[in-house]
């Protein structure tokens, strides 16, 4: 049976009673002369339950995106933003909270993509996160933020507990965070984005339900402090062909089971960093620069393919094992002949073979020995007596024999000095995972600790709970 064309009088070809409106609407809209009388507040069609038109010249149903979003009452609603001409821009009053409905669309309409500007202290489009949503589409528009350092900490597009969303041809400019996936934001598809001048371009904070399986295709992330970031509760990121340019840190990934294949790295201070908890990730690139790649995970956790060839681990910093200054130790220093010792509690996040200790040299005098002991005081591994080196800022002292530490168990690290005038100190720059010069301070992230003062432990005595900040001394993974 051949059905009559939509709009033919009396046929009701699509069975929804709106043939005439559907037939007339597209042609009229192309001329920009849709009369208000012919454009009801909502109209039904076969793909969406309701459609709103945003146009600040009064020719649509609403003059701002915020007003149109507030009017959504049905899943599947579509919002079209109609350019009036030129660089079309709409100033929004503040954060737009998206309703707890699924499968809605916000779409720029026409050759000139609309721009939505948001004031200081606000975010852009934000899901409330009260229920798990799915299926939203965002396409062909720009979200302009209040600035990457805005005190309001705004997020251009926050996909909080919103899964299977599609972000197509969207620009995000000057936000503290461009796009953030959190707590159940699964299977997000981001196609041909342009994200620039943001604190973080694309951020993943997994939360209880993860922020997994983001698919990023093409586009560009440029001039951000961090281009793409993911925490340890995130996995399954797929990057294909995205250009990463002029970022301070292009990719900072602490997640797992991801394939990162950007189109190019260009002009970044650092290209890639794998965090201490990262695992089973593959970086594929023909723009690999070993000097701009760091890896804090254990050997074999992540791979780099450079032009199809697997690259041996490079610039892989030792895993940071957080330590706490002497705390209920109640044991004697296990190294003979020392004048004082620094004790620190260590609880590895995962099983690791450790081969020595790295510390900042405070005042170099005499000799130093390092050891790791278990909770009973038994020595598991220790070094030979080594001269404190006053020609370096950072000194590594290896164990005679490397030792495996089990995840979750309690160990104590010992740095013992035979001259009470010597000190060890240090600080860790957690953003890049590197020692940061002779002063050991950067961006407020660093902490330092000295072995002297309240933490001097004379040989032949036991210790019990002195205070101090012990994030500085760390073990070197084999």
Foldseek 3Di string as FASTA:
>chain_A
DDFDQFLDPPRCRVVPPCSVLVVPPPVCVVVVNQAPVSADQWDCDDQARTEWEAPCVPNTNHPDPLVVQVPDDAARYEYEYEAPDDQAEDEDAAEREHDQHEQYEYEYDDDRFYEYEHEFLGAYYEYPQPDQYENYEYERHEYEYHAQVGPNQYEHAECRNYAHYEYYAYEYEGHVEDYEFEANHYQYEYEAYEYERHQEDYEYDQPPNGNEQYEYEAHEYEHYQEDYEYAQRYENYEYYAYEYEQYQEDYEYAYEHYEAEYNEYYNYVAYYEHAQNYFHYEYEYQHDDLVRYEYQYAAPRYWYQHPNRTDGDGNYFHHQFFWFWFAALFDFDPDPLFFWKTKTKTADQAKFWFWWKKFFWDAFDAWKKKFKAFSVRHTPWIFDTGGRDPVDGMDITTTPDIDIDHHGGIMMMMITHNDLVTKTKFWADNVRGDQDPNVRDDPNRIDMWICDDPNTDGGPGTDHDDHTGGSGMGTGTD
